[in-house]
């Protein structure tokens, strides 16, 4: 675990929360890029995915069974900018996010993973709106793997500034178990700059 005040300079530490987040993102995106270039593929998503299942007391077979019985839905993200690749484990029924024009999250099923994809404004693959739906409380609980850059020891996540997941979790956190996978303990901090709308995640893995 790292000390936030040792990462940001004295001048950066005097900034407001928004600017601190901006500066921290710049540092961590570059650090993650360097680490990705020097890491083995199995340490860039696979290790974290299986550790998460272990801590959730699930095997891959048990997870698939729960999905088939519609007791749970698994949601994930397509990796960009050297993010961990949890999506490589996706089955046809895993859900992935699409961002609406009014900045909400809709979801679509992975399917065969090859067809009907477009790129959104961030360069992330998604499907057009007719293939998407809004999550609601009458749907199965979500096991949601969230993207991001860093976590604090008390479970706050540093994302990329869009606030999409925080808004979604604020609305549905009682129906969602969030898992946040990181490359190493180097991306765990004693504290992070936090806004009042930031939501904690349930499980942080590295």
C-alpha atoms as a PDB file:
ATOM      1  CA  UNK A   1       0.000   0.000   0.000  1.00  0.00           C
ATOM      2  CA  UNK A   2       1.247   3.442  -0.928  1.00  0.00           C
ATOM      3  CA  UNK A   3       0.970   6.781   0.787  1.00  0.00           C
ATOM      4  CA  UNK A   4      -0.904   9.275  -1.378  1.00  0.00           C
ATOM      5  CA  UNK A   5       1.047  12.253  -0.088  1.00  0.00           C
ATOM      6  CA  UNK A   6       4.281  10.640  -1.264  1.00  0.00           C
ATOM      7  CA  UNK A   7       2.967  10.299  -4.822  1.00  0.00           C
ATOM      8  CA  UNK A   8       1.660  13.810  -5.306  1.00  0.00           C
ATOM      9  CA  UNK A   9       4.059  16.725  -5.036  1.00  0.00           C
ATOM     10  CA  UNK A  10       3.591  19.441  -2.424  1.00  0.00           C
ATOM     11  CA  UNK A  11       1.933  21.660  -5.017  1.00  0.00           C
ATOM     12  CA  UNK A  12      -0.360  18.853  -6.191  1.00  0.00           C
ATOM     13  CA  UNK A  13      -1.375  18.045  -2.616  1.00  0.00           C
ATOM     14  CA  UNK A  14      -2.708  21.576  -2.241  1.00  0.00           C
ATOM     15  CA  UNK A  15      -5.083  21.184  -5.207  1.00  0.00           C
ATOM     16  CA  UNK A  16      -8.819  20.584  -4.882  1.00  0.00           C
ATOM     17  CA  UNK A  17     -10.230  17.046  -5.127  1.00  0.00           C
ATOM     18  CA  UNK A  18     -10.962  17.214  -8.860  1.00  0.00           C
ATOM     19  CA  UNK A  19      -7.472  18.400  -9.770  1.00  0.00           C
ATOM     20  CA  UNK A  20      -5.835  15.897  -7.431  1.00  0.00           C
ATOM     21  CA  UNK A  21      -7.716  13.134  -9.222  1.00  0.00           C
ATOM     22  CA  UNK A  22      -6.589  14.489 -12.604  1.00  0.00           C
ATOM     23  CA  UNK A  23      -2.931  14.560 -11.572  1.00  0.00           C
ATOM     24  CA  UNK A  24      -3.120  11.124  -9.989  1.00  0.00           C
ATOM     25  CA  UNK A  25      -4.694   9.648 -13.134  1.00  0.00           C
ATOM     26  CA  UNK A  26      -1.799  10.938 -15.253  1.00  0.00           C
ATOM     27  CA  UNK A  27       0.737   9.313 -12.937  1.00  0.00           C
ATOM     28  CA  UNK A  28      -1.053   5.982 -12.624  1.00  0.00           C
ATOM     29  CA  UNK A  29      -1.897   5.578 -16.314  1.00  0.00           C
ATOM     30  CA  UNK A  30       1.802   5.868 -17.100  1.00  0.00           C
ATOM     31  CA  UNK A  31       2.806   3.537 -14.255  1.00  0.00           C
ATOM     32  CA  UNK A  32       0.284   0.945 -15.399  1.00  0.00           C
ATOM     33  CA  UNK A  33       1.556   1.170 -18.974  1.00  0.00           C
ATOM     34  CA  UNK A  34       5.117   0.445 -17.853  1.00  0.00           C
ATOM     35  CA  UNK A  35       3.989  -2.404 -15.610  1.00  0.00           C
ATOM     36  CA  UNK A  36       1.879  -3.927 -18.419  1.00  0.00           C
ATOM     37  CA  UNK A  37       4.854  -3.931 -20.752  1.00  0.00           C
ATOM     38  CA  UNK A  38       6.868  -5.895 -18.193  1.00  0.00           C
ATOM     39  CA  UNK A  39       4.214  -8.319 -16.957  1.00  0.00           C
ATOM     40  CA  UNK A  40       3.242 -11.814 -18.017  1.00  0.00           C
ATOM     41  CA  UNK A  41      -0.177 -12.215 -19.693  1.00  0.00           C
ATOM     42  CA  UNK A  42      -1.405 -14.484 -16.891  1.00  0.00           C
ATOM     43  CA  UNK A  43      -0.777 -11.667 -14.411  1.00  0.00           C
ATOM     44  CA  UNK A  44      -2.895  -9.227 -16.397  1.00  0.00           C
ATOM     45  CA  UNK A  45      -6.387 -10.393 -15.578  1.00  0.00           C
ATOM     46  CA  UNK A  46      -6.342 -14.162 -15.157  1.00  0.00           C
ATOM     47  CA  UNK A  47      -4.671 -14.189 -11.745  1.00  0.00           C
ATOM     48  CA  UNK A  48      -7.031 -11.543 -10.418  1.00  0.00           C
ATOM     49  CA  UNK A  49     -10.145 -13.179 -11.878  1.00  0.00           C
ATOM     50  CA  UNK A  50      -9.475 -16.554 -10.257  1.00  0.00           C
ATOM     51  CA  UNK A  51      -8.483 -14.924  -6.974  1.00  0.00           C
ATOM     52  CA  UNK A  52     -11.769 -13.012  -6.997  1.00  0.00           C
ATOM     53  CA  UNK A  53     -13.741 -16.230  -7.522  1.00  0.00           C
ATOM     54  CA  UNK A  54     -11.796 -17.872  -4.702  1.00  0.00           C
ATOM     55  CA  UNK A  55     -12.575 -15.028  -2.297  1.00  0.00           C
ATOM     56  CA  UNK A  56     -16.221 -15.127  -3.379  1.00  0.00           C
ATOM     57  CA  UNK A  57     -16.135 -18.878  -2.675  1.00  0.00           C
ATOM     58  CA  UNK A  58     -17.042 -19.733  -6.264  1.00  0.00           C
ATOM     59  CA  UNK A  59     -15.552 -22.003  -8.891  1.00  0.00           C
ATOM     60  CA  UNK A  60     -15.886 -21.280 -12.612  1.00  0.00           C
ATOM     61  CA  UNK A  61     -18.355 -24.156 -12.860  1.00  0.00           C
ATOM     62  CA  UNK A  62     -20.472 -22.838  -9.979  1.00  0.00           C
ATOM     63  CA  UNK A  63     -20.511 -19.367 -11.508  1.00  0.00           C
ATOM     64  CA  UNK A  64     -21.650 -20.760 -14.864  1.00  0.00           C
ATOM     65  CA  UNK A  65     -24.369 -22.789 -13.132  1.00  0.00           C
ATOM     66  CA  UNK A  66     -25.666 -19.694 -11.315  1.00  0.00           C
ATOM     67  CA  UNK A  67     -25.720 -17.855 -14.653  1.00  0.00           C
ATOM     68  CA  UNK A  68     -27.602 -20.686 -16.366  1.00  0.00           C
ATOM     69  CA  UNK A  69     -30.148 -20.751 -13.547  1.00  0.00           C
ATOM     70  CA  UNK A  70     -30.529 -16.964 -13.878  1.00  0.00           C
ATOM     71  CA  UNK A  71     -29.527 -16.499 -10.231  1.00  0.00           C
ATOM     72  CA  UNK A  72     -26.782 -14.055 -11.164  1.00  0.00           C
ATOM     73  CA  UNK A  73     -25.525 -12.020 -14.109  1.00  0.00           C
ATOM     74  CA  UNK A  74     -21.852 -11.222 -14.598  1.00  0.00           C
ATOM     75  CA  UNK A  75     -20.937  -7.800 -15.956  1.00  0.00           C
ATOM     76  CA  UNK A  76     -17.546  -6.632 -17.129  1.00  0.00           C
ATOM     77  CA  UNK A  77     -15.783  -4.090 -19.380  1.00  0.00           C
ATOM     78  CA  UNK A  78     -13.659  -4.190 -22.500  1.00  0.00           C
ATOM     79  CA  UNK A  79     -10.098  -3.196 -21.515  1.00  0.00           C
ATOM     80  CA  UNK A  80      -8.443  -0.065 -22.902  1.00  0.00           C
ATOM     81  CA  UNK A  81      -5.276   1.822 -21.953  1.00  0.00           C
ATOM     82  CA  UNK A  82      -3.570  -1.267 -20.512  1.00  0.00           C
ATOM     83  CA  UNK A  83      -6.445  -2.274 -18.236  1.00  0.00           C
ATOM     84  CA  UNK A  84      -6.566  -5.818 -16.925  1.00  0.00           C
ATOM     85  CA  UNK A  85      -8.343  -8.189 -19.293  1.00  0.00           C
ATOM     86  CA  UNK A  86     -11.172  -9.808 -17.364  1.00  0.00           C
ATOM     87  CA  UNK A  87     -13.261  -9.817 -20.554  1.00  0.00           C
ATOM     88  CA  UNK A  88     -11.242 -12.740 -21.929  1.00  0.00           C
ATOM     89  CA  UNK A  89     -13.306 -14.985 -19.633  1.00  0.00           C
ATOM     90  CA  UNK A  90     -16.659 -13.704 -20.921  1.00  0.00           C
ATOM     91  CA  UNK A  91     -19.394 -16.150 -21.809  1.00  0.00           C
ATOM     92  CA  UNK A  92     -22.234 -15.314 -24.194  1.00  0.00           C
ATOM     93  CA  UNK A  93     -24.442 -14.031 -21.378  1.00  0.00           C
ATOM     94  CA  UNK A  94     -21.934 -11.698 -19.700  1.00  0.00           C
ATOM     95  CA  UNK A  95     -23.017  -8.075 -19.780  1.00  0.00           C
ATOM     96  CA  UNK A  96     -20.968  -5.139 -21.040  1.00  0.00           C
ATOM     97  CA  UNK A  97     -21.710  -1.407 -20.749  1.00  0.00           C
ATOM     98  CA  UNK A  98     -22.878   1.084 -23.350  1.00  0.00           C
ATOM     99  CA  UNK A  99     -23.016   4.796 -22.560  1.00  0.00           C
ATOM    100  CA  UNK A 100     -26.180   6.672 -23.495  1.00  0.00           C
ATOM    101  CA  UNK A 101     -26.303  10.251 -24.771  1.00  0.00           C
ATOM    102  CA  UNK A 102     -27.375  11.421 -21.306  1.00  0.00           C
ATOM    103  CA  UNK A 103     -24.408   9.586 -19.712  1.00  0.00           C
ATOM    104  CA  UNK A 104     -26.192   6.588 -18.230  1.00  0.00           C
ATOM    105  CA  UNK A 105     -25.106   2.969 -18.474  1.00  0.00           C
ATOM    106  CA  UNK A 106     -27.102   0.502 -20.534  1.00  0.00           C
ATOM    107  CA  UNK A 107     -26.045  -3.140 -20.898  1.00  0.00           C
ATOM    108  CA  UNK A 108     -25.775  -5.677 -23.698  1.00  0.00           C
ATOM    109  CA  UNK A 109     -24.908  -9.357 -23.804  1.00  0.00           C
ATOM    110  CA  UNK A 110     -21.502 -10.404 -25.094  1.00  0.00           C
ATOM    111  CA  UNK A 111     -22.978 -12.871 -27.570  1.00  0.00           C
ATOM    112  CA  UNK A 112     -20.382 -14.335 -29.915  1.00  0.00           C
ATOM    113  CA  UNK A 113     -18.047 -11.421 -29.150  1.00  0.00           C
ATOM    114  CA  UNK A 114     -17.562 -10.579 -32.817  1.00  0.00           C
ATOM    115  CA  UNK A 115     -20.605  -8.947 -34.351  1.00  0.00           C
ATOM    116  CA  UNK A 116     -22.603  -5.728 -34.159  1.00  0.00           C
ATOM    117  CA  UNK A 117     -19.985  -3.700 -32.303  1.00  0.00           C
ATOM    118  CA  UNK A 118     -19.342   0.007 -32.663  1.00  0.00           C
ATOM    119  CA  UNK A 119     -16.826   2.231 -30.886  1.00  0.00           C
ATOM    120  CA  UNK A 120     -18.025   4.918 -28.505  1.00  0.00           C
ATOM    121  CA  UNK A 121     -16.375   8.306 -27.920  1.00  0.00           C
ATOM    122  CA  UNK A 122     -13.734   6.672 -25.698  1.00  0.00           C
ATOM    123  CA  UNK A 123     -12.802   4.052 -28.284  1.00  0.00           C
ATOM    124  CA  UNK A 124     -14.555   1.304 -26.305  1.00  0.00           C
ATOM    125  CA  UNK A 125     -16.553  -1.384 -28.074  1.00  0.00           C
ATOM    126  CA  UNK A 126     -20.287  -1.385 -27.452  1.00  0.00           C
ATOM    127  CA  UNK A 127     -23.503  -2.307 -29.243  1.00  0.00           C
ATOM    128  CA  UNK A 128     -26.111   0.072 -30.601  1.00  0.00           C
ATOM    129  CA  UNK A 129     -29.035   1.013 -28.384  1.00  0.00           C
ATOM    130  CA  UNK A 130     -31.497  -1.472 -29.889  1.00  0.00           C
ATOM    131  CA  UNK A 131     -29.291  -4.295 -28.555  1.00  0.00           C
ATOM    132  CA  UNK A 132     -29.069  -2.770 -25.058  1.00  0.00           C
ATOM    133  CA  UNK A 133     -31.260  -2.531 -21.977  1.00  0.00           C
ATOM    134  CA  UNK A 134     -31.340  -0.688 -18.670  1.00  0.00           C
ATOM    135  CA  UNK A 135     -30.696  -2.725 -15.559  1.00  0.00           C
ATOM    136  CA  UNK A 136     -33.564  -2.799 -13.061  1.00  0.00           C
ATOM    137  CA  UNK A 137     -34.128  -4.254  -9.602  1.00  0.00           C
ATOM    138  CA  UNK A 138     -36.312  -7.050 -10.967  1.00  0.00           C
ATOM    139  CA  UNK A 139     -33.360  -8.500 -12.864  1.00  0.00           C
ATOM    140  CA  UNK A 140     -30.892 -11.025 -11.335  1.00  0.00           C
ATOM    141  CA  UNK A 141     -28.190  -9.643  -9.009  1.00  0.00           C
ATOM    142  CA  UNK A 142     -25.041  -8.452 -10.752  1.00  0.00           C
ATOM    143  CA  UNK A 143     -21.487  -9.559 -10.126  1.00  0.00           C
ATOM    144  CA  UNK A 144     -19.822  -6.504 -11.622  1.00  0.00           C
ATOM    145  CA  UNK A 145     -16.128  -6.226 -12.492  1.00  0.00           C
ATOM    146  CA  UNK A 146     -15.457  -2.473 -12.609  1.00  0.00           C
ATOM    147  CA  UNK A 147     -12.627  -0.637 -14.409  1.00  0.00           C
ATOM    148  CA  UNK A 148     -10.361   1.972 -12.873  1.00  0.00           C
ATOM    149  CA  UNK A 149      -6.864   2.930 -11.839  1.00  0.00           C
ATOM    150  CA  UNK A 150      -6.491   2.631  -8.070  1.00  0.00           C
ATOM    151  CA  UNK A 151      -8.281   1.879  -4.819  1.00  0.00           C
ATOM    152  CA  UNK A 152      -8.009   3.146  -1.265  1.00  0.00           C
ATOM    153  CA  UNK A 153      -7.663   0.824   1.701  1.00  0.00           C
ATOM    154  CA  UNK A 154     -11.280   1.560   2.649  1.00  0.00           C
ATOM    155  CA  UNK A 155     -12.648   0.585  -0.775  1.00  0.00           C
ATOM    156  CA  UNK A 156     -12.945   3.788  -2.788  1.00  0.00           C
ATOM    157  CA  UNK A 157     -12.042   3.566  -6.474  1.00  0.00           C
ATOM    158  CA  UNK A 158     -10.243   6.052  -8.685  1.00  0.00           C
ATOM    159  CA  UNK A 159     -11.902   5.855 -12.098  1.00  0.00           C
ATOM    160  CA  UNK A 160     -11.458   8.010 -15.167  1.00  0.00           C
ATOM    161  CA  UNK A 161     -13.738  10.902 -14.245  1.00  0.00           C
ATOM    162  CA  UNK A 162     -16.948  10.056 -16.099  1.00  0.00           C
ATOM    163  CA  UNK A 163     -18.851   8.991 -12.992  1.00  0.00           C
ATOM    164  CA  UNK A 164     -20.873   6.368 -14.909  1.00  0.00           C
ATOM    165  CA  UNK A 165     -20.291   3.541 -12.464  1.00  0.00           C
ATOM    166  CA  UNK A 166     -20.758   5.726  -9.386  1.00  0.00           C
ATOM    167  CA  UNK A 167     -24.173   6.833 -10.642  1.00  0.00           C
ATOM    168  CA  UNK A 168     -25.119   3.257 -11.467  1.00  0.00           C
ATOM    169  CA  UNK A 169     -23.988   1.937  -8.080  1.00  0.00           C
ATOM    170  CA  UNK A 170     -25.716   4.741  -6.216  1.00  0.00           C
ATOM    171  CA  UNK A 171     -28.971   3.525  -7.730  1.00  0.00           C
ATOM    172  CA  UNK A 172     -28.468  -0.247  -7.589  1.00  0.00           C
ATOM    173  CA  UNK A 173     -25.777  -0.964  -4.987  1.00  0.00           C
ATOM    174  CA  UNK A 174     -28.097  -3.308  -3.046  1.00  0.00           C
ATOM    175  CA  UNK A 175     -28.351  -5.505  -6.156  1.00  0.00           C
ATOM    176  CA  UNK A 176     -24.706  -5.389  -7.210  1.00  0.00           C
ATOM    177  CA  UNK A 177     -21.508  -6.969  -5.894  1.00  0.00           C
ATOM    178  CA  UNK A 178     -18.568  -4.986  -7.236  1.00  0.00           C
ATOM    179  CA  UNK A 179     -15.126  -6.458  -7.850  1.00  0.00           C
ATOM    180  CA  UNK A 180     -12.225  -4.168  -8.688  1.00  0.00           C
ATOM    181  CA  UNK A 181      -9.122  -5.922 -10.048  1.00  0.00           C
ATOM    182  CA  UNK A 182      -5.750  -4.166 -10.018  1.00  0.00           C
ATOM    183  CA  UNK A 183      -2.334  -5.183 -11.386  1.00  0.00           C
ATOM    184  CA  UNK A 184      -0.541  -5.060  -8.037  1.00  0.00           C
ATOM    185  CA  UNK A 185      -0.596  -3.717  -4.490  1.00  0.00           C
ATOM    186  CA  UNK A 186       1.198  -0.672  -5.897  1.00  0.00           C
ATOM    187  CA  UNK A 187      -2.224   0.627  -6.943  1.00  0.00           C
ATOM    188  CA  UNK A 188      -3.645   0.461  -3.393  1.00  0.00           C
ATOM    189  CA  UNK A 189      -3.403   3.720  -1.437  1.00  0.00           C
ATOM    190  CA  UNK A 190      -3.883   4.707   2.175  1.00  0.00           C
ATOM    191  CA  UNK A 191      -6.417   7.250   0.917  1.00  0.00           C
ATOM    192  CA  UNK A 192      -7.669   8.794  -2.321  1.00  0.00           C
ATOM    193  CA  UNK A 193      -9.190  12.188  -3.143  1.00  0.00           C
ATOM    194  CA  UNK A 194     -12.930  11.566  -2.785  1.00  0.00           C
ATOM    195  CA  UNK A 195     -16.050  13.405  -3.898  1.00  0.00           C
ATOM    196  CA  UNK A 196     -19.379  13.024  -2.102  1.00  0.00           C
ATOM    197  CA  UNK A 197     -20.826  11.019  -5.009  1.00  0.00           C
ATOM    198  CA  UNK A 198     -18.031   8.424  -5.090  1.00  0.00           C
ATOM    199  CA  UNK A 199     -19.174   4.896  -4.258  1.00  0.00           C
ATOM    200  CA  UNK A 200     -17.137   2.174  -2.564  1.00  0.00           C
ATOM    201  CA  UNK A 201     -16.555  -1.210  -4.172  1.00  0.00           C
ATOM    202  CA  UNK A 202     -17.116  -4.498  -2.335  1.00  0.00           C
ATOM    203  CA  UNK A 203     -13.929  -6.370  -3.196  1.00  0.00           C
ATOM    204  CA  UNK A 204     -10.495  -5.171  -4.316  1.00  0.00           C
ATOM    205  CA  UNK A 205      -8.169  -7.773  -5.874  1.00  0.00           C
ATOM    206  CA  UNK A 206      -4.563  -7.577  -7.052  1.00  0.00           C
END
